[in-house]
PDB file of N, CA and C in Angstrom:
ATOM      1  N   UNK A   1     -70.656   5.114   8.286  1.00  0.00           N
ATOM      2  CA  UNK A   1     -69.491   4.763   9.072  1.00  0.00           C
ATOM      3  C   UNK A   1     -69.930   4.424  10.492  1.00  0.00           C
ATOM      4  N   UNK A   2     -69.131   3.591  11.121  1.00  0.00           N
ATOM      5  CA  UNK A   2     -69.407   3.163  12.493  1.00  0.00           C
ATOM      6  C   UNK A   2     -68.150   3.336  13.337  1.00  0.00           C
ATOM      7  N   UNK A   3     -68.376   3.551  14.625  1.00  0.00           N
ATOM      8  CA  UNK A   3     -67.278   3.619  15.580  1.00  0.00           C
ATOM      9  C   UNK A   3     -67.366   2.392  16.470  1.00  0.00           C
ATOM     10  N   UNK A   4     -66.261   1.681  16.576  1.00  0.00           N
ATOM     11  CA  UNK A   4     -66.164   0.531  17.471  1.00  0.00           C
ATOM     12  C   UNK A   4     -65.343   0.964  18.673  1.00  0.00           C
ATOM     13  N   UNK A   5     -65.918   0.785  19.856  1.00  0.00           N
ATOM     14  CA  UNK A   5     -65.184   0.993  21.109  1.00  0.00           C
ATOM     15  C   UNK A   5     -65.121  -0.356  21.793  1.00  0.00           C
ATOM     16  N   UNK A   6     -63.939  -0.802  22.104  1.00  0.00           N
ATOM     17  CA  UNK A   6     -63.765  -2.094  22.766  1.00  0.00           C
ATOM     18  C   UNK A   6     -62.971  -1.891  24.040  1.00  0.00           C
ATOM     19  N   UNK A   7     -63.468  -2.481  25.114  1.00  0.00           N
ATOM     20  CA  UNK A   7     -62.774  -2.473  26.399  1.00  0.00           C
ATOM     21  C   UNK A   7     -62.249  -3.890  26.612  1.00  0.00           C
ATOM     22  N   UNK A   8     -60.923  -4.031  26.704  1.00  0.00           N
ATOM     23  CA  UNK A   8     -60.326  -5.368  26.814  1.00  0.00           C
ATOM     24  C   UNK A   8     -59.296  -5.407  27.936  1.00  0.00           C
ATOM     25  N   UNK A   9     -58.917  -6.616  28.309  1.00  0.00           N
ATOM     26  CA  UNK A   9     -57.855  -6.783  29.303  1.00  0.00           C
ATOM     27  C   UNK A   9     -56.532  -6.300  28.706  1.00  0.00           C
ATOM     28  N   UNK A  10     -55.719  -5.612  29.497  1.00  0.00           N
ATOM     29  CA  UNK A  10     -54.480  -5.048  28.955  1.00  0.00           C
ATOM     30  C   UNK A  10     -53.568  -6.060  28.271  1.00  0.00           C
ATOM     31  N   UNK A  11     -53.443  -7.264  28.815  1.00  0.00           N
ATOM     32  CA  UNK A  11     -52.515  -8.236  28.233  1.00  0.00           C
ATOM     33  C   UNK A  11     -53.016  -8.812  26.909  1.00  0.00           C
ATOM     34  N   UNK A  12     -54.271  -8.521  26.525  1.00  0.00           N
ATOM     35  CA  UNK A  12     -54.811  -8.991  25.248  1.00  0.00           C
ATOM     36  C   UNK A  12     -54.692  -7.944  24.141  1.00  0.00           C
ATOM     37  N   UNK A  13     -54.244  -6.734  24.480  1.00  0.00           N
ATOM     38  CA  UNK A  13     -54.222  -5.646  23.505  1.00  0.00           C
ATOM     39  C   UNK A  13     -53.331  -5.939  22.312  1.00  0.00           C
ATOM     40  N   UNK A  14     -52.161  -6.524  22.523  1.00  0.00           N
ATOM     41  CA  UNK A  14     -51.274  -6.829  21.389  1.00  0.00           C
ATOM     42  C   UNK A  14     -51.928  -7.830  20.434  1.00  0.00           C
ATOM     43  N   UNK A  15     -52.606  -8.836  20.983  1.00  0.00           N
ATOM     44  CA  UNK A  15     -53.296  -9.810  20.133  1.00  0.00           C
ATOM     45  C   UNK A  15     -54.392  -9.128  19.311  1.00  0.00           C
ATOM     46  N   UNK A  16     -55.124  -8.231  19.943  1.00  0.00           N
ATOM     47  CA  UNK A  16     -56.197  -7.510  19.244  1.00  0.00           C
ATOM     48  C   UNK A  16     -55.612  -6.646  18.135  1.00  0.00           C
ATOM     49  N   UNK A  17     -54.567  -5.900  18.445  1.00  0.00           N
ATOM     50  CA  UNK A  17     -53.949  -5.015  17.444  1.00  0.00           C
ATOM     51  C   UNK A  17     -53.416  -5.800  16.249  1.00  0.00           C
ATOM     52  N   UNK A  18     -52.731  -6.899  16.527  1.00  0.00           N
ATOM     53  CA  UNK A  18     -52.188  -7.722  15.442  1.00  0.00           C
ATOM     54  C   UNK A  18     -53.304  -8.311  14.576  1.00  0.00           C
ATOM     55  N   UNK A  19     -54.370  -8.777  15.209  1.00  0.00           N
ATOM     56  CA  UNK A  19     -55.484  -9.361  14.468  1.00  0.00           C
ATOM     57  C   UNK A  19     -56.180  -8.312  13.599  1.00  0.00           C
ATOM     58  N   UNK A  20     -56.345  -7.110  14.117  1.00  0.00           N
ATOM     59  CA  UNK A  20     -56.954  -6.041  13.324  1.00  0.00           C
ATOM     60  C   UNK A  20     -56.049  -5.642  12.160  1.00  0.00           C
ATOM     61  N   UNK A  21     -54.755  -5.604  12.405  1.00  0.00           N
ATOM     62  CA  UNK A  21     -53.806  -5.275  11.349  1.00  0.00           C
ATOM     63  C   UNK A  21     -53.881  -6.281  10.206  1.00  0.00           C
ATOM     64  N   UNK A  22     -54.069  -7.554  10.534  1.00  0.00           N
ATOM     65  CA  UNK A  22     -54.162  -8.611   9.518  1.00  0.00           C
ATOM     66  C   UNK A  22     -55.365  -8.444   8.603  1.00  0.00           C
ATOM     67  N   UNK A  23     -56.427  -7.797   9.078  1.00  0.00           N
ATOM     68  CA  UNK A  23     -57.604  -7.593   8.220  1.00  0.00           C
ATOM     69  C   UNK A  23     -57.628  -6.190   7.603  1.00  0.00           C
ATOM     70  N   UNK A  24     -56.524  -5.448   7.762  1.00  0.00           N
ATOM     71  CA  UNK A  24     -56.391  -4.165   7.071  1.00  0.00           C
ATOM     72  C   UNK A  24     -56.791  -2.944   7.869  1.00  0.00           C
ATOM     73  N   UNK A  25     -57.024  -3.080   9.164  1.00  0.00           N
ATOM     74  CA  UNK A  25     -57.325  -1.908   9.991  1.00  0.00           C
ATOM     75  C   UNK A  25     -55.999  -1.233  10.311  1.00  0.00           C
ATOM     76  N   UNK A  26     -55.852   0.015   9.855  1.00  0.00           N
ATOM     77  CA  UNK A  26     -54.550   0.655   9.957  1.00  0.00           C
ATOM     78  C   UNK A  26     -54.441   1.676  11.072  1.00  0.00           C
ATOM     79  N   UNK A  27     -55.547   2.125  11.637  1.00  0.00           N
ATOM     80  CA  UNK A  27     -55.452   3.137  12.669  1.00  0.00           C
ATOM     81  C   UNK A  27     -56.432   2.903  13.792  1.00  0.00           C
ATOM     82  N   UNK A  28     -56.031   3.293  14.983  1.00  0.00           N
ATOM     83  CA  UNK A  28     -56.907   3.179  16.146  1.00  0.00           C
ATOM     84  C   UNK A  28     -56.376   4.094  17.236  1.00  0.00           C
ATOM     85  N   UNK A  29     -57.232   4.403  18.177  1.00  0.00           N
ATOM     86  CA  UNK A  29     -56.840   5.155  19.359  1.00  0.00           C
ATOM     87  C   UNK A  29     -56.938   4.211  20.545  1.00  0.00           C
ATOM     88  N   UNK A  30     -55.912   4.181  21.370  1.00  0.00           N
ATOM     89  CA  UNK A  30     -55.877   3.286  22.522  1.00  0.00           C
ATOM     90  C   UNK A  30     -55.674   4.127  23.783  1.00  0.00           C
ATOM     91  N   UNK A  31     -56.483   3.838  24.791  1.00  0.00           N
ATOM     92  CA  UNK A  31     -56.427   4.566  26.055  1.00  0.00           C
ATOM     93  C   UNK A  31     -56.411   3.578  27.214  1.00  0.00           C
ATOM     94  N   UNK A  32     -55.584   3.837  28.201  1.00  0.00           N
ATOM     95  CA  UNK A  32     -55.624   3.037  29.420  1.00  0.00           C
ATOM     96  C   UNK A  32     -56.758   3.577  30.277  1.00  0.00           C
ATOM     97  N   UNK A  33     -57.662   2.690  30.686  1.00  0.00           N
ATOM     98  CA  UNK A  33     -58.817   3.091  31.481  1.00  0.00           C
ATOM     99  C   UNK A  33     -58.949   2.178  32.697  1.00  0.00           C
ATOM    100  N   UNK A  34     -59.831   2.545  33.601  1.00  0.00           N
ATOM    101  CA  UNK A  34     -60.139   1.706  34.752  1.00  0.00           C
ATOM    102  C   UNK A  34     -61.646   1.617  34.878  1.00  0.00           C
ATOM    103  N   UNK A  35     -62.122   0.482  35.354  1.00  0.00           N
ATOM    104  CA  UNK A  35     -63.553   0.338  35.541  1.00  0.00           C
ATOM    105  C   UNK A  35     -63.879  -1.026  36.115  1.00  0.00           C
ATOM    106  N   UNK A  36     -65.179  -1.274  36.232  1.00  0.00           N
ATOM    107  CA  UNK A  36     -65.620  -2.586  36.675  1.00  0.00           C
ATOM    108  C   UNK A  36     -67.027  -2.832  36.164  1.00  0.00           C
ATOM    109  N   UNK A  37     -67.359  -4.091  36.058  1.00  0.00           N
ATOM    110  CA  UNK A  37     -68.690  -4.525  35.690  1.00  0.00           C
ATOM    111  C   UNK A  37     -69.040  -5.676  36.605  1.00  0.00           C
ATOM    112  N   UNK A  38     -69.407  -6.784  36.020  1.00  0.00           N
ATOM    113  CA  UNK A  38     -69.713  -7.970  36.825  1.00  0.00           C
ATOM    114  C   UNK A  38     -68.494  -8.476  37.575  1.00  0.00           C
ATOM    115  N   UNK A  39     -67.318  -8.177  37.030  1.00  0.00           N
ATOM    116  CA  UNK A  39     -66.070  -8.651  37.629  1.00  0.00           C
ATOM    117  C   UNK A  39     -65.866  -8.045  39.018  1.00  0.00           C
ATOM    118  N   UNK A  40     -66.464  -6.889  39.240  1.00  0.00           N
ATOM    119  CA  UNK A  40     -66.308  -6.138  40.481  1.00  0.00           C
ATOM    120  C   UNK A  40     -64.833  -5.856  40.732  1.00  0.00           C
ATOM    121  N   UNK A  41     -64.483  -5.605  41.956  1.00  0.00           N
ATOM    122  CA  UNK A  41     -63.088  -5.359  42.295  1.00  0.00           C
ATOM    123  C   UNK A  41     -62.490  -6.598  42.918  1.00  0.00           C
ATOM    124  N   UNK A  42     -61.388  -6.418  43.560  1.00  0.00           N
ATOM    125  CA  UNK A  42     -60.758  -7.518  44.274  1.00  0.00           C
ATOM    126  C   UNK A  42     -59.956  -6.952  45.452  1.00  0.00           C
ATOM    127  N   UNK A  43     -59.530  -7.813  46.316  1.00  0.00           N
ATOM    128  CA  UNK A  43     -58.776  -7.411  47.494  1.00  0.00           C
ATOM    129  C   UNK A  43     -57.291  -7.651  47.252  1.00  0.00           C
ATOM    130  N   UNK A  44     -56.462  -6.673  47.646  1.00  0.00           N
ATOM    131  CA  UNK A  44     -55.014  -6.824  47.536  1.00  0.00           C
ATOM    132  C   UNK A  44     -54.379  -6.562  48.890  1.00  0.00           C
ATOM    133  N   UNK A  45     -53.150  -7.008  49.018  1.00  0.00           N
ATOM    134  CA  UNK A  45     -52.397  -6.834  50.254  1.00  0.00           C
ATOM    135  C   UNK A  45     -51.238  -5.878  49.991  1.00  0.00           C
ATOM    136  N   UNK A  46     -51.091  -4.836  50.805  1.00  0.00           N
ATOM    137  CA  UNK A  46     -49.992  -3.893  50.669  1.00  0.00           C
ATOM    138  C   UNK A  46     -49.415  -3.610  52.044  1.00  0.00           C
ATOM    139  N   UNK A  47     -48.160  -3.968  52.247  1.00  0.00           N
ATOM    140  CA  UNK A  47     -47.466  -3.784  53.529  1.00  0.00           C
ATOM    141  C   UNK A  47     -48.275  -4.358  54.692  1.00  0.00           C
ATOM    142  N   UNK A  48     -48.828  -5.513  54.456  1.00  0.00           N
ATOM    143  CA  UNK A  48     -49.563  -6.205  55.507  1.00  0.00           C
ATOM    144  C   UNK A  48     -50.997  -5.755  55.689  1.00  0.00           C
ATOM    145  N   UNK A  49     -51.401  -4.714  54.990  1.00  0.00           N
ATOM    146  CA  UNK A  49     -52.779  -4.219  55.111  1.00  0.00           C
ATOM    147  C   UNK A  49     -53.575  -4.644  53.883  1.00  0.00           C
ATOM    148  N   UNK A  50     -54.779  -5.107  54.119  1.00  0.00           N
ATOM    149  CA  UNK A  50     -55.657  -5.526  53.034  1.00  0.00           C
ATOM    150  C   UNK A  50     -56.504  -4.332  52.595  1.00  0.00           C
ATOM    151  N   UNK A  51     -56.651  -4.142  51.301  1.00  0.00           N
ATOM    152  CA  UNK A  51     -57.507  -3.061  50.811  1.00  0.00           C
ATOM    153  C   UNK A  51     -58.251  -3.502  49.552  1.00  0.00           C
ATOM    154  N   UNK A  52     -59.350  -2.842  49.303  1.00  0.00           N
ATOM    155  CA  UNK A  52     -60.230  -3.185  48.186  1.00  0.00           C
ATOM    156  C   UNK A  52     -59.849  -2.361  46.954  1.00  0.00           C
ATOM    157  N   UNK A  53     -59.673  -3.025  45.818  1.00  0.00           N
ATOM    158  CA  UNK A  53     -59.427  -2.356  44.550  1.00  0.00           C
ATOM    159  C   UNK A  53     -60.743  -2.417  43.780  1.00  0.00           C
ATOM    160  N   UNK A  54     -61.405  -1.266  43.650  1.00  0.00           N
ATOM    161  CA  UNK A  54     -62.721  -1.241  43.016  1.00  0.00           C
ATOM    162  C   UNK A  54     -62.644  -1.112  41.497  1.00  0.00           C
ATOM    163  N   UNK A  55     -61.660  -0.405  40.997  1.00  0.00           N
ATOM    164  CA  UNK A  55     -61.538  -0.193  39.560  1.00  0.00           C
ATOM    165  C   UNK A  55     -60.370  -0.995  39.022  1.00  0.00           C
ATOM    166  N   UNK A  56     -60.637  -1.809  38.020  1.00  0.00           N
ATOM    167  CA  UNK A  56     -59.615  -2.681  37.453  1.00  0.00           C
ATOM    168  C   UNK A  56     -59.053  -2.064  36.178  1.00  0.00           C
ATOM    169  N   UNK A  57     -57.758  -2.235  35.919  1.00  0.00           N
ATOM    170  CA  UNK A  57     -57.165  -1.668  34.703  1.00  0.00           C
ATOM    171  C   UNK A  57     -57.662  -2.390  33.454  1.00  0.00           C
ATOM    172  N   UNK A  58     -58.010  -1.613  32.445  1.00  0.00           N
ATOM    173  CA  UNK A  58     -58.452  -2.127  31.153  1.00  0.00           C
ATOM    174  C   UNK A  58     -57.834  -1.247  30.077  1.00  0.00           C
ATOM    175  N   UNK A  59     -58.006  -1.653  28.833  1.00  0.00           N
ATOM    176  CA  UNK A  59     -57.569  -0.853  27.698  1.00  0.00           C
ATOM    177  C   UNK A  59     -58.789  -0.623  26.811  1.00  0.00           C
ATOM    178  N   UNK A  60     -58.965   0.621  26.396  1.00  0.00           N
ATOM    179  CA  UNK A  60     -60.077   0.966  25.505  1.00  0.00           C
ATOM    180  C   UNK A  60     -59.509   1.319  24.145  1.00  0.00           C
ATOM    181  N   UNK A  61     -60.003   0.652  23.108  1.00  0.00           N
ATOM    182  CA  UNK A  61     -59.574   1.005  21.763  1.00  0.00           C
ATOM    183  C   UNK A  61     -60.764   1.527  20.983  1.00  0.00           C
ATOM    184  N   UNK A  62     -60.501   2.521  20.158  1.00  0.00           N
ATOM    185  CA  UNK A  62     -61.537   3.142  19.354  1.00  0.00           C
ATOM    186  C   UNK A  62     -61.117   3.112  17.890  1.00  0.00           C
ATOM    187  N   UNK A  63     -62.046   2.689  17.038  1.00  0.00           N
ATOM    188  CA  UNK A  63     -61.780   2.576  15.607  1.00  0.00           C
ATOM    189  C   UNK A  63     -63.004   3.082  14.868  1.00  0.00           C
ATOM    190  N   UNK A  64     -62.805   3.873  13.819  1.00  0.00           N
ATOM    191  CA  UNK A  64     -63.895   4.282  12.942  1.00  0.00           C
ATOM    192  C   UNK A  64     -63.672   3.610  11.595  1.00  0.00           C
ATOM    193  N   UNK A  65     -64.696   2.891  11.128  1.00  0.00           N
ATOM    194  CA  UNK A  65     -64.587   2.098   9.903  1.00  0.00           C
ATOM    195  C   UNK A  65     -65.817   2.277   9.018  1.00  0.00           C
ATOM    196  N   UNK A  66     -65.653   2.022   7.712  1.00  0.00           N
ATOM    197  CA  UNK A  66     -66.832   1.938   6.845  1.00  0.00           C
ATOM    198  C   UNK A  66     -67.702   0.769   7.302  1.00  0.00           C
ATOM    199  N   UNK A  67     -69.003   0.879   7.098  1.00  0.00           N
ATOM    200  CA  UNK A  67     -69.938  -0.136   7.608  1.00  0.00           C
ATOM    201  C   UNK A  67     -69.626  -1.543   7.125  1.00  0.00           C
ATOM    202  N   UNK A  68     -69.099  -1.690   5.907  1.00  0.00           N
ATOM    203  CA  UNK A  68     -68.854  -3.032   5.381  1.00  0.00           C
ATOM    204  C   UNK A  68     -67.691  -3.749   6.070  1.00  0.00           C
ATOM    205  N   UNK A  69     -66.897  -3.040   6.874  1.00  0.00           N
ATOM    206  CA  UNK A  69     -65.778  -3.660   7.585  1.00  0.00           C
ATOM    207  C   UNK A  69     -66.069  -3.926   9.060  1.00  0.00           C
ATOM    208  N   UNK A  70     -67.194  -3.419   9.552  1.00  0.00           N
ATOM    209  CA  UNK A  70     -67.472  -3.447  10.987  1.00  0.00           C
ATOM    210  C   UNK A  70     -67.674  -4.863  11.520  1.00  0.00           C
ATOM    211  N   UNK A  71     -68.500  -5.667  10.860  1.00  0.00           N
ATOM    212  CA  UNK A  71     -68.783  -7.012  11.366  1.00  0.00           C
ATOM    213  C   UNK A  71     -67.516  -7.846  11.486  1.00  0.00           C
ATOM    214  N   UNK A  72     -66.655  -7.772  10.487  1.00  0.00           N
ATOM    215  CA  UNK A  72     -65.405  -8.539  10.522  1.00  0.00           C
ATOM    216  C   UNK A  72     -64.502  -8.042  11.651  1.00  0.00           C
ATOM    217  N   UNK A  73     -64.412  -6.725  11.831  1.00  0.00           N
ATOM    218  CA  UNK A  73     -63.577  -6.169  12.895  1.00  0.00           C
ATOM    219  C   UNK A  73     -64.092  -6.594  14.264  1.00  0.00           C
ATOM    220  N   UNK A  74     -65.403  -6.602  14.445  1.00  0.00           N
ATOM    221  CA  UNK A  74     -65.979  -7.025  15.726  1.00  0.00           C
ATOM    222  C   UNK A  74     -65.660  -8.497  15.988  1.00  0.00           C
ATOM    223  N   UNK A  75     -65.761  -9.337  14.960  1.00  0.00           N
ATOM    224  CA  UNK A  75     -65.424 -10.760  15.109  1.00  0.00           C
ATOM    225  C   UNK A  75     -63.970 -10.930  15.537  1.00  0.00           C
ATOM    226  N   UNK A  76     -63.084 -10.194  14.887  1.00  0.00           N
ATOM    227  CA  UNK A  76     -61.649 -10.301  15.150  1.00  0.00           C
ATOM    228  C   UNK A  76     -61.318  -9.832  16.567  1.00  0.00           C
ATOM    229  N   UNK A  77     -61.907  -8.713  16.985  1.00  0.00           N
ATOM    230  CA  UNK A  77     -61.662  -8.202  18.332  1.00  0.00           C
ATOM    231  C   UNK A  77     -62.154  -9.217  19.359  1.00  0.00           C
ATOM    232  N   UNK A  78     -63.367  -9.713  19.140  1.00  0.00           N
ATOM    233  CA  UNK A  78     -63.961 -10.663  20.075  1.00  0.00           C
ATOM    234  C   UNK A  78     -63.115 -11.923  20.216  1.00  0.00           C
ATOM    235  N   UNK A  79     -62.636 -12.448  19.110  1.00  0.00           N
ATOM    236  CA  UNK A  79     -61.814 -13.664  19.140  1.00  0.00           C
ATOM    237  C   UNK A  79     -60.459 -13.411  19.798  1.00  0.00           C
ATOM    238  N   UNK A  80     -59.834 -12.284  19.483  1.00  0.00           N
ATOM    239  CA  UNK A  80     -58.497 -11.998  20.009  1.00  0.00           C
ATOM    240  C   UNK A  80     -58.517 -11.642  21.491  1.00  0.00           C
ATOM    241  N   UNK A  81     -59.605 -11.042  21.977  1.00  0.00           N
ATOM    242  CA  UNK A  81     -59.670 -10.603  23.370  1.00  0.00           C
ATOM    243  C   UNK A  81     -60.246 -11.679  24.293  1.00  0.00           C
ATOM    244  N   UNK A  82     -60.765 -12.746  23.728  1.00  0.00           N
ATOM    245  CA  UNK A  82     -61.464 -13.780  24.506  1.00  0.00           C
ATOM    246  C   UNK A  82     -60.504 -14.623  25.347  1.00  0.00           C
ATOM    247  N   UNK A  83     -60.820 -14.741  26.643  1.00  0.00           N
ATOM    248  CA  UNK A  83     -60.105 -15.681  27.507  1.00  0.00           C
ATOM    249  C   UNK A  83     -61.077 -16.697  28.094  1.00  0.00           C
ATOM    250  N   UNK A  84     -62.365 -16.360  28.051  1.00  0.00           N
ATOM    251  CA  UNK A  84     -63.377 -17.225  28.642  1.00  0.00           C
ATOM    252  C   UNK A  84     -63.603 -16.969  30.114  1.00  0.00           C
ATOM    253  N   UNK A  85     -62.882 -15.987  30.646  1.00  0.00           N
ATOM    254  CA  UNK A  85     -63.015 -15.664  32.065  1.00  0.00           C
ATOM    255  C   UNK A  85     -63.745 -14.333  32.220  1.00  0.00           C
ATOM    256  N   UNK A  86     -64.308 -14.137  33.399  1.00  0.00           N
ATOM    257  CA  UNK A  86     -65.020 -12.893  33.672  1.00  0.00           C
ATOM    258  C   UNK A  86     -64.075 -11.709  33.486  1.00  0.00           C
ATOM    259  N   UNK A  87     -64.596 -10.612  32.938  1.00  0.00           N
ATOM    260  CA  UNK A  87     -63.781  -9.418  32.729  1.00  0.00           C
ATOM    261  C   UNK A  87     -63.130  -9.333  31.369  1.00  0.00           C
ATOM    262  N   UNK A  88     -63.547 -10.189  30.418  1.00  0.00           N
ATOM    263  CA  UNK A  88     -62.973 -10.135  29.066  1.00  0.00           C
ATOM    264  C   UNK A  88     -63.237  -8.797  28.386  1.00  0.00           C
ATOM    265  N   UNK A  89     -64.322  -8.132  28.724  1.00  0.00           N
ATOM    266  CA  UNK A  89     -64.578  -6.804  28.180  1.00  0.00           C
ATOM    267  C   UNK A  89     -65.876  -6.706  27.423  1.00  0.00           C
ATOM    268  N   UNK A  90     -66.009  -5.591  26.713  1.00  0.00           N
ATOM    269  CA  UNK A  90     -67.211  -5.309  25.944  1.00  0.00           C
ATOM    270  C   UNK A  90     -66.827  -4.628  24.637  1.00  0.00           C
ATOM    271  N   UNK A  91     -67.731  -4.732  23.660  1.00  0.00           N
ATOM    272  CA  UNK A  91     -67.559  -4.041  22.379  1.00  0.00           C
ATOM    273  C   UNK A  91     -68.835  -3.234  22.139  1.00  0.00           C
ATOM    274  N   UNK A  92     -68.663  -1.957  21.820  1.00  0.00           N
ATOM    275  CA  UNK A  92     -69.787  -1.074  21.513  1.00  0.00           C
ATOM    276  C   UNK A  92     -69.645  -0.598  20.077  1.00  0.00           C
ATOM    277  N   UNK A  93     -70.737  -0.612  19.323  1.00  0.00           N
ATOM    278  CA  UNK A  93     -70.729  -0.129  17.946  1.00  0.00           C
ATOM    279  C   UNK A  93     -71.769   0.981  17.839  1.00  0.00           C
ATOM    280  N   UNK A  94     -71.324   2.160  17.399  1.00  0.00           N
ATOM    281  CA  UNK A  94     -72.226   3.300  17.256  1.00  0.00           C
ATOM    282  C   UNK A  94     -72.055   3.933  15.879  1.00  0.00           C
ATOM    283  N   UNK A  95     -73.051   4.678  15.473  1.00  0.00           N
ATOM    284  CA  UNK A  95     -73.016   5.366  14.183  1.00  0.00           C
ATOM    285  C   UNK A  95     -72.220   6.659  14.304  1.00  0.00           C
ATOM    286  N   UNK A  96     -71.410   6.935  13.273  1.00  0.00           N
ATOM    287  CA  UNK A  96     -70.640   8.177  13.208  1.00  0.00           C
ATOM    288  C   UNK A  96     -71.260   9.042  12.123  1.00  0.00           C
ATOM    289  N   UNK A  97     -71.652  10.231  12.497  1.00  0.00           N
ATOM    290  CA  UNK A  97     -72.312  11.144  11.561  1.00  0.00           C
ATOM    291  C   UNK A  97     -71.329  11.763  10.556  1.00  0.00           C
ATOM    292  N   UNK A  98     -70.170  12.173  11.057  1.00  0.00           N
ATOM    293  CA  UNK A  98     -69.251  12.920  10.198  1.00  0.00           C
ATOM    294  C   UNK A  98     -67.836  12.822  10.754  1.00  0.00           C
ATOM    295  N   UNK A  99     -66.856  12.732   9.859  1.00  0.00           N
ATOM    296  CA  UNK A  99     -65.441  12.722  10.233  1.00  0.00           C
ATOM    297  C   UNK A  99     -64.736  13.758   9.373  1.00  0.00           C
ATOM    298  N   UNK A 100     -63.858  14.532   9.972  1.00  0.00           N
ATOM    299  CA  UNK A 100     -63.094  15.544   9.238  1.00  0.00           C
ATOM    300  C   UNK A 100     -61.626  15.398   9.608  1.00  0.00           C
ATOM    301  N   UNK A 101     -60.781  15.258   8.585  1.00  0.00           N
ATOM    302  CA  UNK A 101     -59.324  15.258   8.826  1.00  0.00           C
ATOM    303  C   UNK A 101     -58.895  16.719   8.896  1.00  0.00           C
ATOM    304  N   UNK A 102     -58.366  17.121  10.033  1.00  0.00           N
ATOM    305  CA  UNK A 102     -58.043  18.520  10.264  1.00  0.00           C
ATOM    306  C   UNK A 102     -57.003  19.036   9.274  1.00  0.00           C
ATOM    307  N   UNK A 103     -55.965  18.261   9.011  1.00  0.00           N
ATOM    308  CA  UNK A 103     -54.864  18.717   8.147  1.00  0.00           C
ATOM    309  C   UNK A 103     -55.321  19.057   6.739  1.00  0.00           C
ATOM    310  N   UNK A 104     -56.178  18.208   6.129  1.00  0.00           N
ATOM    311  CA  UNK A 104     -56.533  18.368   4.713  1.00  0.00           C
ATOM    312  C   UNK A 104     -57.963  18.825   4.469  1.00  0.00           C
ATOM    313  N   UNK A 105     -58.794  18.716   5.480  1.00  0.00           N
ATOM    314  CA  UNK A 105     -60.195  19.056   5.299  1.00  0.00           C
ATOM    315  C   UNK A 105     -61.015  17.934   4.684  1.00  0.00           C
ATOM    316  N   UNK A 106     -60.374  16.775   4.414  1.00  0.00           N
ATOM    317  CA  UNK A 106     -61.113  15.640   3.880  1.00  0.00           C
ATOM    318  C   UNK A 106     -62.203  15.239   4.855  1.00  0.00           C
ATOM    319  N   UNK A 107     -63.283  14.683   4.306  1.00  0.00           N
ATOM    320  CA  UNK A 107     -64.405  14.307   5.153  1.00  0.00           C
ATOM    321  C   UNK A 107     -64.810  12.868   4.974  1.00  0.00           C
ATOM    322  N   UNK A 108     -65.447  12.351   6.018  1.00  0.00           N
ATOM    323  CA  UNK A 108     -66.039  11.015   6.073  1.00  0.00           C
ATOM    324  C   UNK A 108     -65.064   9.913   5.717  1.00  0.00           C
ATOM    325  N   UNK A 109     -65.405   9.021   4.803  1.00  0.00           N
ATOM    326  CA  UNK A 109     -64.520   7.861   4.558  1.00  0.00           C
ATOM    327  C   UNK A 109     -63.156   8.274   4.026  1.00  0.00           C
ATOM    328  N   UNK A 110     -63.064   9.404   3.314  1.00  0.00           N
ATOM    329  CA  UNK A 110     -61.763   9.897   2.860  1.00  0.00           C
ATOM    330  C   UNK A 110     -60.890  10.315   4.035  1.00  0.00           C
ATOM    331  N   UNK A 111     -61.518  10.720   5.130  1.00  0.00           N
ATOM    332  CA  UNK A 111     -60.775  11.187   6.298  1.00  0.00           C
ATOM    333  C   UNK A 111     -60.350  10.035   7.209  1.00  0.00           C
ATOM    334  N   UNK A 112     -60.958   8.871   7.022  1.00  0.00           N
ATOM    335  CA  UNK A 112     -60.613   7.727   7.859  1.00  0.00           C
ATOM    336  C   UNK A 112     -59.477   7.020   7.216  1.00  0.00           C
TER     337      UNK A 112
END
């Protein structure tokens, strides 16, 4: 099993969720996060004063899938989150050693 963590622009999250749903991904965890990479921050104006915003709002989604579904899910996330502009985000894929469903005690792929 693999865990996919994707950091995307907030306004692209609905497109990503719908695209994943179309390929049969039924569950995910979504968190509002802040951060920066090459995009850096930007300057905003508030009550006439200029200030630097260093951390930009993003959305992080986490999905655990069997290995045979990972490549397709990564393709779908990448296509749905793409704008072609800086700050589109990143996708991380890591190995998951073990999953346990607390309610039933099911493990690994049965628990996903």
